Amino acid sequence: MDIELLISIGVVFFLLCLSGFFSGSETALTAVSLAKMHALEKDGNKKAKRVIKIIEKREKMIGALLLGNNLVNILASAIATSVFIKLVGEAGVVYATLVMTMLVLIFAEVLPKTYAIHFSDRMAMAISPVIRVVIIVFSPVTDLVSKIVRLVLRILGADISLVAVGGNMEELRGAIELHRSEDGDETVNAVDKQRAMLRSILDLEDVEVEEIMTHRKTVELINAEGDPEQQVQDILNSPYTRLPIYQGEQDNIVGVINVKNLLREIHALDGDLKKIDIKKVMSEPWFVPESTSLSDQLQAFRDRREHFALVVDEYGSFMGVVTLEDILEEIVGEIEDETDEVVSGVRRQPNGSLLVEGTVTIRDLNREFEWDLPDEHYSTIAGLMLYETQAIPEPGQSFTFYGFRFDIVRKQRHQLTLIRLTPPDKDIHA
């Protein structure tokens, strides 16, 4: 075998190595974790920063890698064909096709891409300096190719310049849903709670204050014109540390009393409750619209260093109260108490059904049990019943919606106060 033939074979194997490099690089840079790269960049990793810059110009990166890969593959096939023709004559074309297909498939495609998939972050940072140079060298050609591609697509009626870039939120939601564990029941439960918390954080922008507020019907109010001793008694008997103060009609909220401030006043007056003027102790009320998103309200609580706000509708009527704790519980979920209610207002039954108070929100049920009951037109379980039945059901009536059975247990005037909810068998948690 002459030296020229050996050189040709050596060039073919070198080109195959280059093809594997381009194939693996494309896979590594496509599969790399952008979140991890950002974290490494914040820690001062220059390679991670370089990877991010390359990925930001994804179109140029793909174009350069595909150009390099096709160049070396075509050149390797051409040289291999000439080698086989010299060795076996015209039949060398067939041999070259078969041999190069196998070599390219195994060593230039499957092998490097398999490695790149499993070690994408490490490989992406290692190859980033070389890829950056490749992109710069091939940029004139890739820019021209890109213009031709866009022109052809536009002629075919697909103008990619009009396609909105985005979907980051959807990708993040998808990543959250994929966040699962199979390491045991305890780990799975912990991951489920983490997933629910992450979902709730993303939903803060879409949920309004009215959906989580304590409705005015259940808000404890203090009469500003009442007897001072009775006022103190009512405040101290309440489980809450902040209570709205009204004067005249209950819609006329004039202040908010903080139990700590009240105790200071009692101490200053040596315990003489008759001398207490609650109007001097109360603070100015803070009113917020019911349409305020939880994200904005959380930021407002932070900016004002407040924990308590009064919710009003578009006409200025008092609707309820919202607290910082309400929003935090929207993220982390309800804290179970000694009655072991998984959600406040929900009691498990031995047969797998749930007794649900009408004021329990659909969001709380969906989050706790990972259901998918709709809540676009209503926020509570009672609201769902009224919307779906288009009537006010009577106790004893039963309905089936979305695979769930709803039995009306108790009604007070026109309000559904207790509903027995039986989920599909697969959704009943032990």
Protein backbone atom coordinates (compact mmCIF):
# COMPACT_ATOMS: atom_id res chain seq x y z
CA MET A 1 0.00 0.00 0.00
CA ASP A 2 1.55 3.30 -1.12
CA ILE A 3 2.03 6.31 1.12
CA GLU A 4 -0.67 8.34 -0.69
CA LEU A 5 -3.30 5.73 0.14
CA LEU A 6 -2.28 5.68 3.80
CA ILE A 7 -2.51 9.45 3.97
CA SER A 8 -6.00 9.35 2.44
CA ILE A 9 -7.18 6.77 4.99
CA GLY A 10 -5.68 8.85 7.79
CA VAL A 11 -7.49 11.95 6.49
CA VAL A 12 -10.80 10.03 6.40
CA PHE A 13 -10.46 9.02 10.06
CA PHE A 14 -9.46 12.57 11.01
CA LEU A 15 -12.56 13.92 9.25
CA LEU A 16 -14.69 11.33 11.05
CA CYS A 17 -13.32 12.63 14.34
CA LEU A 18 -14.22 16.18 13.30
CA SER A 19 -17.72 15.00 12.33
CA GLY A 20 -18.12 13.42 15.75
CA PHE A 21 -16.95 16.65 17.36
CA PHE A 22 -19.53 18.73 15.48
CA SER A 23 -22.35 16.23 16.15
CA GLY A 24 -21.54 15.97 19.85
CA SER A 25 -21.16 19.73 20.18
CA GLU A 26 -24.57 20.35 18.65
CA THR A 27 -26.20 17.89 21.05
CA ALA A 28 -24.31 19.18 24.09
CA LEU A 29 -25.13 22.84 23.43
CA THR A 30 -28.76 21.98 22.73
CA ALA A 31 -29.21 19.81 25.83
CA VAL A 32 -27.17 21.96 28.23
CA SER A 33 -28.96 23.22 31.35
CA LEU A 34 -29.27 26.97 30.91
CA ALA A 35 -30.29 27.37 34.55
CA LYS A 36 -27.12 25.63 35.71
CA MET A 37 -25.00 27.75 33.36
CA HIS A 38 -26.52 30.92 34.83
CA ALA A 39 -25.79 29.67 38.34
CA LEU A 40 -22.16 28.91 37.41
CA GLU A 41 -21.86 32.29 35.71
CA LYS A 42 -22.91 34.03 38.93
CA ASP A 43 -20.14 32.10 40.68
CA GLY A 44 -17.64 33.55 38.22
CA ASN A 45 -17.26 30.61 35.82
CA LYS A 46 -16.03 32.12 32.53
CA LYS A 47 -16.71 28.97 30.52
CA ALA A 48 -20.35 28.99 31.60
CA LYS A 49 -20.59 32.63 30.56
CA ARG A 50 -19.17 31.72 27.15
CA VAL A 51 -21.69 28.90 26.77
CA ILE A 52 -24.57 31.28 27.53
CA LYS A 53 -23.35 33.73 24.88
CA ILE A 54 -23.18 30.93 22.32
CA ILE A 55 -26.68 29.68 23.16
CA GLU A 56 -28.10 33.21 22.93
CA LYS A 57 -27.17 33.11 19.22
CA ARG A 58 -28.69 29.67 18.73
CA GLU A 59 -29.42 30.13 15.01
CA LYS A 60 -25.81 31.00 14.23
CA MET A 61 -24.56 28.16 16.44
CA ILE A 62 -26.73 25.53 14.71
CA GLY A 63 -25.82 26.89 11.27
CA ALA A 64 -22.09 26.79 11.94
CA LEU A 65 -22.16 23.28 13.42
CA LEU A 66 -24.30 21.88 10.61
CA LEU A 67 -22.07 23.51 8.02
CA GLY A 68 -18.94 22.07 9.61
CA ASN A 69 -20.55 18.63 10.01
CA ASN A 70 -21.72 18.45 6.40
CA LEU A 71 -18.39 19.66 5.06
CA VAL A 72 -16.35 17.00 6.84
CA ASN A 73 -18.88 14.23 6.15
CA ILE A 74 -19.04 14.94 2.41
CA LEU A 75 -15.28 15.34 2.17
CA ALA A 76 -14.68 12.10 4.12
CA SER A 77 -17.12 10.21 1.87
CA ALA A 78 -15.49 11.56 -1.29
CA ILE A 79 -11.97 10.61 -0.15
CA ALA A 80 -13.16 7.18 1.02
CA THR A 81 -14.81 6.56 -2.35
CA SER A 82 -11.57 7.36 -4.20
CA VAL A 83 -9.64 5.03 -1.84
CA PHE A 84 -11.99 2.09 -2.43
CA ILE A 85 -12.01 2.68 -6.19
CA LYS A 86 -8.22 2.44 -6.20
CA LEU A 87 -8.42 -0.76 -4.14
CA VAL A 88 -11.29 -2.68 -5.80
CA GLY A 89 -12.23 -0.72 -8.90
CA GLU A 90 -15.71 0.53 -9.76
CA ALA A 91 -17.29 -1.58 -7.03
CA GLY A 92 -15.49 0.69 -4.58
CA VAL A 93 -18.43 3.12 -4.76
CA VAL A 94 -20.71 0.52 -3.16
CA TYR A 95 -18.11 -0.48 -0.55
CA ALA A 96 -17.38 3.16 0.29
CA THR A 97 -21.12 3.86 0.78
CA LEU A 98 -21.61 0.88 3.11
CA VAL A 99 -18.41 1.40 5.12
CA MET A 100 -18.81 5.18 5.49
CA THR A 101 -22.48 4.84 6.48
CA MET A 102 -21.52 2.50 9.32
CA LEU A 103 -18.52 4.59 10.42
CA VAL A 104 -20.45 7.88 10.33
CA LEU A 105 -23.47 6.37 12.10
CA ILE A 106 -21.46 4.80 14.93
CA PHE A 107 -18.47 7.07 15.46
CA ALA A 108 -19.70 10.42 14.13
CA GLU A 109 -23.34 10.37 15.26
CA VAL A 110 -24.50 7.85 17.87
CA LEU A 111 -21.34 7.66 19.99
CA PRO A 112 -20.63 11.42 20.37
CA LYS A 113 -24.31 12.32 20.77
CA THR A 114 -24.83 9.65 23.41
CA TYR A 115 -21.88 11.01 25.37
CA ALA A 116 -23.08 14.59 24.88
CA ILE A 117 -26.57 13.80 26.19
CA HIS A 118 -25.21 12.33 29.42
CA PHE A 119 -22.47 14.92 30.00
CA SER A 120 -23.95 17.95 28.24
CA ASP A 121 -22.94 20.58 30.83
CA ARG A 122 -19.35 19.38 31.14
CA MET A 123 -18.91 18.98 27.37
CA ALA A 124 -20.54 22.32 26.54
CA MET A 125 -18.11 24.21 28.77
CA ALA A 126 -15.12 22.24 27.41
CA ILE A 127 -15.89 22.87 23.72
CA SER A 128 -17.17 26.45 24.05
CA PRO A 129 -13.83 28.15 23.13
CA VAL A 130 -13.49 26.11 19.93
CA ILE A 131 -17.17 26.51 18.97
CA ARG A 132 -16.90 30.27 19.42
CA VAL A 133 -14.08 30.35 16.85
CA VAL A 134 -16.02 28.04 14.49
CA ILE A 135 -19.04 30.35 14.62
CA ILE A 136 -16.88 33.40 13.83
CA VAL A 137 -15.12 31.66 10.90
CA PHE A 138 -18.33 30.30 9.38
CA SER A 139 -20.49 33.35 10.11
CA PRO A 140 -20.34 34.84 6.56
CA VAL A 141 -21.61 31.57 5.08
CA THR A 142 -24.17 30.89 7.81
CA ASP A 143 -25.55 34.44 7.53
CA LEU A 144 -26.04 33.94 3.81
CA VAL A 145 -27.64 30.55 4.34
CA SER A 146 -29.94 32.02 6.97
CA LYS A 147 -31.12 34.75 4.61
CA ILE A 148 -31.80 32.21 1.86
CA VAL A 149 -33.74 29.98 4.26
CA ARG A 150 -35.86 32.87 5.53
CA LEU A 151 -36.57 34.00 1.97
CA VAL A 152 -37.65 30.51 0.88
CA LEU A 153 -39.86 30.09 3.97
CA ARG A 154 -41.44 33.49 3.36
CA ILE A 155 -42.22 32.49 -0.22
CA LEU A 156 -43.82 29.30 1.13
CA GLY A 157 -45.94 31.39 3.51
CA ALA A 158 -43.99 30.76 6.73
CA ASP A 159 -42.46 34.05 7.89
CA ILE A 160 -40.43 33.07 10.95
CA SER A 161 -39.66 36.73 11.74
CA LEU A 162 -43.30 37.05 12.88
CA VAL A 163 -43.09 34.12 15.27
CA ALA A 164 -43.08 35.38 18.85
CA VAL A 165 -40.14 34.28 20.92
CA GLY A 166 -41.16 33.31 24.40
CA GLY A 167 -42.84 30.47 26.17
CA ASN A 168 -40.35 30.64 29.02
CA MET A 169 -43.15 30.50 31.57
CA GLU A 170 -44.67 27.45 29.87
CA GLU A 171 -41.26 25.78 29.84
CA LEU A 172 -40.85 26.51 33.53
CA ARG A 173 -44.28 25.09 34.30
CA GLY A 174 -43.43 22.01 32.28
CA ALA A 175 -40.17 21.58 34.18
CA ILE A 176 -42.09 21.80 37.46
CA GLU A 177 -44.51 19.08 36.36
CA LEU A 178 -41.54 16.87 35.42
CA HIS A 179 -40.07 17.37 38.90
CA ARG A 180 -40.80 13.96 40.37
CA SER A 181 -39.08 11.36 42.55
CA GLU A 182 -39.31 7.59 42.90
CA ASP A 183 -37.00 7.21 45.89
CA GLY A 184 -39.72 6.23 48.36
CA ASP A 185 -43.04 7.47 49.70
CA GLU A 186 -41.51 10.14 51.95
CA THR A 187 -39.39 11.56 49.15
CA VAL A 188 -42.31 11.47 46.72
CA ASN A 189 -44.53 13.34 49.21
CA ALA A 190 -41.82 15.96 49.73
CA VAL A 191 -41.44 16.43 45.98
CA ASP A 192 -45.22 16.73 45.57
CA LYS A 193 -45.25 19.53 48.16
CA GLN A 194 -42.34 21.27 46.44
CA ARG A 195 -44.12 21.03 43.10
CA ALA A 196 -47.31 22.48 44.58
CA MET A 197 -45.35 25.39 46.09
CA LEU A 198 -43.60 26.16 42.81
CA ARG A 199 -46.93 26.08 40.95
CA SER A 200 -48.42 28.49 43.48
CA ILE A 201 -45.53 30.93 43.11
CA LEU A 202 -46.03 31.04 39.34
CA ASP A 203 -49.78 31.54 39.83
CA LEU A 204 -49.44 34.60 42.10
CA GLU A 205 -49.69 36.91 39.09
CA ASP A 206 -52.92 35.27 37.90
CA VAL A 207 -54.75 35.01 41.24
CA GLU A 208 -56.62 38.03 42.59
CA VAL A 209 -57.04 39.08 46.21
CA GLU A 210 -60.77 38.35 46.19
CA GLU A 211 -60.04 34.67 45.61
CA ILE A 212 -58.16 34.21 48.89
CA MET A 213 -59.53 36.95 51.15
CA THR A 214 -61.55 36.26 54.28
CA HIS A 215 -65.08 37.24 53.29
CA ARG A 216 -66.82 39.99 55.23
CA LYS A 217 -69.39 37.48 56.51
CA THR A 218 -66.73 35.76 58.57
CA VAL A 219 -64.65 38.84 59.46
CA GLU A 220 -64.78 39.83 63.14
CA LEU A 221 -65.47 43.56 63.50
CA ILE A 222 -65.26 45.88 66.50
CA ASN A 223 -67.76 48.70 66.99
CA ALA A 224 -65.91 51.99 67.53
CA GLU A 225 -68.89 53.36 69.52
CA GLY A 226 -69.26 50.38 71.82
CA ASP A 227 -68.51 50.09 75.52
CA PRO A 228 -64.70 50.16 76.09
CA GLU A 229 -64.75 47.16 78.41
CA GLN A 230 -66.82 45.15 75.92
CA GLN A 231 -64.50 46.25 73.11
CA VAL A 232 -61.48 44.96 74.98
CA GLN A 233 -63.27 41.73 75.84
CA ASP A 234 -64.24 41.15 72.21
CA ILE A 235 -60.70 41.87 70.99
CA LEU A 236 -59.05 39.60 73.54
CA ASN A 237 -61.54 36.80 72.83
CA SER A 238 -60.74 36.93 69.13
CA PRO A 239 -58.07 34.53 67.75
CA TYR A 240 -56.78 37.35 65.52
CA THR A 241 -54.18 39.99 66.35
CA ARG A 242 -55.60 42.65 64.01
CA LEU A 243 -59.28 43.55 63.74
CA PRO A 244 -61.15 46.17 61.67
CA ILE A 245 -62.99 48.94 63.54
CA TYR A 246 -66.30 50.22 62.13
CA GLN A 247 -68.44 53.19 63.03
CA GLY A 248 -72.16 53.24 62.38
CA GLU A 249 -72.61 50.77 59.51
CA GLN A 250 -70.27 47.83 59.15
CA ASP A 251 -69.28 49.05 55.68
CA ASN A 252 -67.80 52.15 57.31
CA ILE A 253 -64.39 50.87 58.38
CA VAL A 254 -62.54 53.66 60.20
CA GLY A 255 -59.45 51.87 61.50
CA VAL A 256 -57.61 48.70 62.45
CA ILE A 257 -56.75 47.71 66.00
CA ASN A 258 -53.57 45.81 66.76
CA VAL A 259 -53.78 43.73 69.96
CA LYS A 260 -50.20 44.68 70.86
CA ASN A 261 -51.04 48.39 70.73
CA LEU A 262 -54.15 47.78 72.79
CA LEU A 263 -52.16 45.96 75.49
CA ARG A 264 -49.69 48.86 75.61
CA GLU A 265 -52.60 51.27 76.12
CA ILE A 266 -54.07 49.11 78.88
CA HIS A 267 -50.71 49.03 80.60
CA ALA A 268 -50.32 52.82 80.26
CA LEU A 269 -53.75 53.34 81.87
CA ASP A 270 -52.89 50.96 84.75
CA GLY A 271 -55.56 48.53 83.60
CA ASP A 272 -58.48 50.98 83.75
CA LEU A 273 -60.49 49.75 80.75
CA LYS A 274 -63.10 52.48 81.06
CA LYS A 275 -60.55 55.13 80.09
CA ILE A 276 -59.61 53.42 76.81
CA ASP A 277 -60.49 55.32 73.66
CA ILE A 278 -60.12 52.77 70.89
CA LYS A 279 -60.06 55.49 68.22
CA LYS A 280 -56.78 56.77 69.67
CA VAL A 281 -55.22 53.31 69.63
CA MET A 282 -56.33 52.16 66.20
CA SER A 283 -54.29 52.77 63.04
CA GLU A 284 -55.43 54.08 59.66
CA PRO A 285 -57.14 51.41 57.51
CA TRP A 286 -55.46 50.40 54.24
CA PHE A 287 -57.88 49.59 51.45
CA VAL A 288 -56.93 47.56 48.37
CA PRO A 289 -59.05 46.67 45.30
CA GLU A 290 -60.38 43.12 45.11
CA SER A 291 -58.85 42.78 41.62
CA THR A 292 -55.27 43.23 42.89
CA SER A 293 -53.08 40.27 41.96
CA LEU A 294 -51.39 38.36 44.76
CA SER A 295 -48.00 39.20 43.26
CA ASP A 296 -48.72 42.94 43.47
CA GLN A 297 -50.27 42.63 46.92
CA LEU A 298 -47.28 40.70 48.25
CA GLN A 299 -44.98 43.44 46.96
CA ALA A 300 -47.25 46.09 48.48
CA PHE A 301 -47.13 44.35 51.88
CA ARG A 302 -43.36 44.34 51.62
CA ASP A 303 -43.10 47.99 50.57
CA ARG A 304 -45.48 49.27 53.27
CA ARG A 305 -44.23 46.83 55.91
CA GLU A 306 -47.84 45.91 56.64
CA HIS A 307 -49.49 42.55 57.24
CA PHE A 308 -53.17 43.45 56.97
CA ALA A 309 -55.35 45.11 54.32
CA LEU A 310 -59.07 45.69 53.80
CA VAL A 311 -60.51 44.60 50.45
CA VAL A 312 -63.06 46.75 48.64
CA ASP A 313 -64.94 46.29 45.36
CA GLU A 314 -65.21 48.74 42.48
CA TYR A 315 -67.90 50.69 44.37
CA GLY A 316 -65.80 51.02 47.51
CA SER A 317 -67.88 48.55 49.50
CA PHE A 318 -66.09 46.51 52.14
CA MET A 319 -65.66 42.91 50.88
CA GLY A 320 -63.26 41.29 53.34
CA VAL A 321 -59.70 41.27 54.61
CA VAL A 322 -56.44 39.89 53.25
CA THR A 323 -53.27 39.31 55.23
CA LEU A 324 -49.67 38.52 54.48
CA GLU A 325 -50.28 35.11 56.00
CA ASP A 326 -53.06 34.46 53.49
CA ILE A 327 -50.64 34.95 50.60
CA LEU A 328 -47.89 32.90 52.24
CA GLU A 329 -50.38 30.08 52.83
CA GLU A 330 -51.33 30.34 49.18
CA ILE A 331 -47.71 29.40 48.43
CA VAL A 332 -46.89 26.85 51.13
CA GLY A 333 -50.42 25.54 51.71
CA GLU A 334 -52.56 25.41 54.82
CA ILE A 335 -50.87 24.40 58.07
CA GLU A 336 -52.55 21.30 59.47
CA ASP A 337 -53.85 21.67 63.03
CA GLU A 338 -54.76 19.12 65.70
CA THR A 339 -58.07 18.34 63.94
CA ASP A 340 -56.00 17.06 61.00
CA GLU A 341 -57.98 18.90 58.35
CA VAL A 342 -55.86 18.67 55.21
CA VAL A 343 -57.47 21.91 54.04
CA SER A 344 -59.32 24.30 56.33
CA GLY A 345 -63.01 23.44 55.93
CA VAL A 346 -62.38 19.93 54.55
CA ARG A 347 -62.92 16.70 56.52
CA ARG A 348 -62.08 13.24 55.24
CA GLN A 349 -64.71 10.52 55.55
CA PRO A 350 -64.07 6.77 56.06
CA ASN A 351 -65.59 5.94 52.65
CA GLY A 352 -63.09 8.18 50.84
CA SER A 353 -65.44 11.13 50.33
CA LEU A 354 -64.80 14.64 51.65
CA LEU A 355 -67.11 16.96 53.55
CA VAL A 356 -66.31 20.37 52.13
CA GLU A 357 -67.57 23.72 53.38
CA GLY A 358 -68.98 25.88 50.61
CA THR A 359 -66.39 28.60 51.15
CA VAL A 360 -63.41 26.29 50.43
CA THR A 361 -61.63 27.45 47.28
CA ILE A 362 -61.12 25.27 44.22
CA ARG A 363 -57.47 26.29 44.21
CA ASP A 364 -56.90 24.82 47.67
CA LEU A 365 -58.53 21.54 46.68
CA ASN A 366 -56.63 21.29 43.40
CA ARG A 367 -53.34 22.03 45.11
CA GLU A 368 -53.83 19.62 48.01
CA PHE A 369 -55.20 16.66 46.03
CA GLU A 370 -53.61 17.45 42.63
CA TRP A 371 -57.01 17.63 40.98
CA ASP A 372 -57.83 19.74 37.95
CA LEU A 373 -61.23 21.22 38.74
CA PRO A 374 -61.79 24.43 36.73
CA ASP A 375 -62.01 27.77 38.53
CA GLU A 376 -62.24 30.32 35.72
CA HIS A 377 -65.77 31.50 36.55
CA TYR A 378 -65.84 30.95 40.31
CA SER A 379 -63.43 30.52 43.19
CA THR A 380 -65.23 28.32 45.74
CA ILE A 381 -66.79 24.86 45.68
CA ALA A 382 -70.21 26.47 46.26
CA GLY A 383 -69.57 28.75 43.30
CA LEU A 384 -68.83 25.70 41.13
CA MET A 385 -72.18 24.15 42.11
CA LEU A 386 -74.14 27.32 41.36
CA TYR A 387 -72.39 27.82 38.03
CA GLU A 388 -72.80 24.24 36.81
CA THR A 389 -76.41 23.77 37.98
CA GLN A 390 -77.54 27.31 37.06
CA ALA A 391 -79.73 27.11 40.16
CA ILE A 392 -79.56 26.96 43.95
CA PRO A 393 -79.57 23.22 44.79
CA GLU A 394 -81.45 21.85 47.75
CA PRO A 395 -80.03 19.53 50.47
CA GLY A 396 -80.22 15.90 49.35
CA GLN A 397 -79.65 16.65 45.66
CA SER A 398 -76.67 15.00 43.92
CA PHE A 399 -74.76 16.00 40.81
CA THR A 400 -71.84 14.68 38.80
CA PHE A 401 -69.37 17.04 37.16
CA TYR A 402 -65.85 16.38 35.83
CA GLY A 403 -65.98 12.82 37.15
CA PHE A 404 -66.73 13.97 40.73
CA ARG A 405 -69.96 13.45 42.64
CA PHE A 406 -71.35 16.40 44.61
CA ASP A 407 -74.01 15.85 47.31
CA ILE A 408 -75.62 18.92 48.85
CA VAL A 409 -75.56 18.36 52.62
CA ARG A 410 -76.52 21.71 54.11
CA LYS A 411 -77.82 25.07 52.90
CA GLN A 412 -78.38 28.29 54.83
CA ARG A 413 -80.84 30.61 53.11
CA HIS A 414 -79.39 30.93 49.58
CA GLN A 415 -75.87 29.84 50.52
CA LEU A 416 -74.51 26.30 50.14
CA THR A 417 -72.63 25.71 53.38
CA LEU A 418 -71.65 22.01 53.24
CA ILE A 419 -71.09 19.67 50.28
CA ARG A 420 -70.06 16.04 50.21
CA LEU A 421 -67.53 15.58 47.42
CA THR A 422 -66.67 12.09 46.15
CA PRO A 423 -63.68 12.08 43.78
CA PRO A 424 -62.98 9.36 41.19
CA ASP A 425 -61.57 6.24 42.84
CA LYS A 426 -58.10 6.91 41.49
CA ASP A 427 -58.02 10.30 43.20
CA ILE A 428 -59.04 9.14 46.67
CA HIS A 429 -56.05 9.45 48.97
CA ALA A 430 -55.73 7.14 51.91
